């Protein structure tokens, strides 16, 4: 490991012992050459989070919003790839089924707050996929890309009867 200062043999702090066993750096020379801007932001927010995520390799578990976003994107991107090959969309219920499968995978790793109900968030995701398929994917015969913020809107408190009429342009 070049550019790294190893722990002195007489320094037996837990971090230094771990670093020697795992061959992980405890201190770096030329820190600007090693840290990315994201790492600097994470470190400035929380030093322990940076330690666990970048030195120990234990990332934060995904949040409910991240899990919803990933499941919606997986379903819509599968449809988009199919559309590139065949020039036709998958049926809406088929894309909803793809969402459900992706959502199940996300449930295994996502962390939900006390006021977040996974089943309600899953129903919202299904509605988001249906709405996208009806409003955007089938709107014209030409291919449309998926917006970077497709799944960023979620009704407050995951209301089961809320409408998507306030959902701005995808």
Protein backbone atom coordinates (compact mmCIF):
# COMPACT_ATOMS: atom_id res chain seq x y z
CA UNK A 1 0.00 0.00 0.00
CA UNK A 2 1.85 3.05 -1.16
CA UNK A 3 1.47 6.43 0.43
CA UNK A 4 0.11 5.03 3.69
CA UNK A 5 1.47 5.31 7.17
CA UNK A 6 1.14 2.04 9.04
CA UNK A 7 0.47 1.84 12.72
CA UNK A 8 3.52 1.83 14.96
CA UNK A 9 4.14 -1.50 16.71
CA UNK A 10 3.63 0.09 20.13
CA UNK A 11 0.28 1.66 19.17
CA UNK A 12 -2.37 -0.93 19.98
CA UNK A 13 -5.61 0.99 19.58
CA UNK A 14 -8.53 -1.03 18.19
CA UNK A 15 -8.41 0.82 14.88
CA UNK A 16 -4.68 0.18 14.44
CA UNK A 17 -5.02 -3.51 15.37
CA UNK A 18 -7.88 -3.88 12.90
CA UNK A 19 -5.96 -2.01 10.22
CA UNK A 20 -2.90 -4.25 10.57
CA UNK A 21 -4.99 -7.45 10.41
CA UNK A 22 -7.14 -6.29 7.49
CA UNK A 23 -4.33 -4.44 5.71
CA UNK A 24 -6.38 -1.26 5.78
CA UNK A 25 -4.92 2.21 6.10
CA UNK A 26 -5.49 4.17 9.28
CA UNK A 27 -3.87 7.33 8.01
CA UNK A 28 -3.19 8.47 4.47
CA UNK A 29 -0.56 10.71 2.92
CA UNK A 30 -1.84 12.93 0.15
CA UNK A 31 -5.45 12.66 1.24
CA UNK A 32 -6.67 14.71 -1.76
CA UNK A 33 -5.31 11.99 -4.04
CA UNK A 34 -7.22 9.26 -2.20
CA UNK A 35 -10.63 10.67 -1.20
CA UNK A 36 -13.36 11.29 -3.74
CA UNK A 37 -15.72 14.26 -3.35
CA UNK A 38 -18.42 11.87 -2.13
CA UNK A 39 -16.08 10.49 0.53
CA UNK A 40 -15.25 14.01 1.69
CA UNK A 41 -18.98 14.80 1.99
CA UNK A 42 -19.65 11.57 3.90
CA UNK A 43 -16.66 12.20 6.17
CA UNK A 44 -17.77 15.77 6.91
CA UNK A 45 -21.30 14.53 7.69
CA UNK A 46 -20.25 11.65 9.93
CA UNK A 47 -16.73 10.32 10.49
CA UNK A 48 -17.97 6.94 11.78
CA UNK A 49 -20.19 6.46 8.73
CA UNK A 50 -17.16 7.13 6.52
CA UNK A 51 -15.07 4.66 8.57
CA UNK A 52 -17.66 1.88 8.29
CA UNK A 53 -18.49 2.52 4.65
CA UNK A 54 -15.06 3.17 3.11
CA UNK A 55 -12.58 1.48 5.42
CA UNK A 56 -14.63 -1.48 6.59
CA UNK A 57 -16.67 -1.80 3.40
CA UNK A 58 -20.03 -1.85 5.22
CA UNK A 59 -22.34 0.53 3.33
CA UNK A 60 -25.51 1.99 4.79
CA UNK A 61 -28.56 -0.19 4.18
CA UNK A 62 -30.87 1.26 1.53
CA UNK A 63 -33.73 3.45 2.70
CA UNK A 64 -37.38 3.01 1.68
CA UNK A 65 -37.10 5.77 -0.94
CA UNK A 66 -33.95 4.24 -2.41
CA UNK A 67 -35.56 0.78 -2.51
CA UNK A 68 -38.69 2.15 -4.18
CA UNK A 69 -36.62 4.06 -6.72
CA UNK A 70 -34.51 1.02 -7.55
CA UNK A 71 -37.52 -1.30 -7.94
CA UNK A 72 -39.39 1.16 -10.18
CA UNK A 73 -36.30 1.77 -12.30
CA UNK A 74 -35.66 -1.96 -12.66
CA UNK A 75 -39.18 -2.58 -13.98
CA UNK A 76 -39.18 0.43 -16.31
CA UNK A 77 -35.68 -0.23 -17.63
CA UNK A 78 -36.62 -3.84 -18.40
CA UNK A 79 -39.58 -2.55 -20.40
CA UNK A 80 -37.36 0.02 -22.11
CA UNK A 81 -34.80 -2.60 -23.12
CA UNK A 82 -37.59 -4.82 -24.44
CA UNK A 83 -38.96 -1.85 -26.39
CA UNK A 84 -35.54 -1.21 -27.93
CA UNK A 85 -35.41 -4.80 -29.19
CA UNK A 86 -39.02 -5.33 -30.25
CA UNK A 87 -40.36 -1.79 -30.75
CA UNK A 88 -43.29 -2.68 -28.43
CA UNK A 89 -43.94 -2.17 -24.74
CA UNK A 90 -44.50 -5.06 -22.37
CA UNK A 91 -48.13 -5.10 -21.19
CA UNK A 92 -48.68 -2.80 -18.21
CA UNK A 93 -49.50 -5.65 -15.83
CA UNK A 94 -46.33 -7.42 -16.94
CA UNK A 95 -44.26 -4.38 -16.01
CA UNK A 96 -46.13 -4.18 -12.69
CA UNK A 97 -45.18 -7.84 -12.14
CA UNK A 98 -41.55 -6.95 -12.83
CA UNK A 99 -41.85 -4.18 -10.24
CA UNK A 100 -43.29 -6.59 -7.66
CA UNK A 101 -40.39 -8.99 -8.18
CA UNK A 102 -37.82 -6.17 -7.86
CA UNK A 103 -39.66 -4.79 -4.80
CA UNK A 104 -39.48 -8.18 -3.08
CA UNK A 105 -35.71 -8.20 -3.58
CA UNK A 106 -35.45 -4.67 -2.17
CA UNK A 107 -37.51 -5.58 0.91
CA UNK A 108 -34.79 -8.01 1.98
CA UNK A 109 -32.18 -5.27 2.41
CA UNK A 110 -34.07 -1.99 2.85
CA UNK A 111 -34.43 -0.24 6.18
CA UNK A 112 -37.85 1.20 6.96
CA UNK A 113 -38.66 3.85 9.56
CA UNK A 114 -41.40 3.24 12.10
CA UNK A 115 -43.97 5.24 10.11
CA UNK A 116 -43.16 3.54 6.78
CA UNK A 117 -45.32 0.58 5.78
CA UNK A 118 -43.61 -1.56 3.13
CA UNK A 119 -46.91 -2.87 1.72
CA UNK A 120 -48.25 0.67 1.27
CA UNK A 121 -45.01 1.80 -0.38
CA UNK A 122 -45.20 -1.25 -2.67
CA UNK A 123 -48.76 -0.29 -3.71
CA UNK A 124 -47.55 3.22 -4.46
CA UNK A 125 -44.76 1.76 -6.58
CA UNK A 126 -47.27 -0.30 -8.53
CA UNK A 127 -49.33 2.83 -9.15
CA UNK A 128 -46.23 4.74 -10.23
CA UNK A 129 -45.36 2.03 -12.75
CA UNK A 130 -48.94 1.89 -14.09
CA UNK A 131 -49.07 5.66 -14.35
CA UNK A 132 -45.77 5.78 -16.21
CA UNK A 133 -46.88 3.07 -18.62
CA UNK A 134 -50.20 4.83 -19.32
CA UNK A 135 -49.00 8.43 -19.45
CA UNK A 136 -45.52 8.21 -20.88
CA UNK A 137 -44.52 4.84 -22.35
CA UNK A 138 -47.59 4.42 -24.56
CA UNK A 139 -48.16 8.11 -25.24
CA UNK A 140 -46.39 7.94 -28.56
CA UNK A 141 -44.87 5.30 -30.76
CA UNK A 142 -41.35 6.61 -30.31
CA UNK A 143 -39.03 5.58 -27.49
CA UNK A 144 -38.83 7.78 -24.43
CA UNK A 145 -36.16 7.69 -21.80
CA UNK A 146 -36.82 7.25 -18.12
CA UNK A 147 -36.45 10.47 -16.18
CA UNK A 148 -33.83 10.56 -13.41
CA UNK A 149 -36.57 11.35 -10.87
CA UNK A 150 -39.19 8.79 -11.90
CA UNK A 151 -39.80 7.48 -8.39
CA UNK A 152 -38.94 10.54 -6.37
CA UNK A 153 -42.52 11.54 -5.65
CA UNK A 154 -44.36 9.65 -2.94
CA UNK A 155 -47.66 10.85 -1.41
CA UNK A 156 -47.38 12.08 2.14
CA UNK A 157 -47.76 9.37 4.78
CA UNK A 158 -48.24 6.84 1.98
CA UNK A 159 -51.95 7.58 1.67
CA UNK A 160 -53.68 4.66 -0.03
CA UNK A 161 -56.35 6.87 -1.67
CA UNK A 162 -54.12 9.70 -2.85
CA UNK A 163 -54.17 10.48 -6.53
CA UNK A 164 -51.27 10.89 -8.87
CA UNK A 165 -52.75 14.03 -10.41
CA UNK A 166 -50.22 16.12 -8.51
CA UNK A 167 -47.36 14.08 -9.86
CA UNK A 168 -45.43 16.43 -12.08
CA UNK A 169 -44.10 15.50 -15.49
CA UNK A 170 -42.13 12.27 -15.47
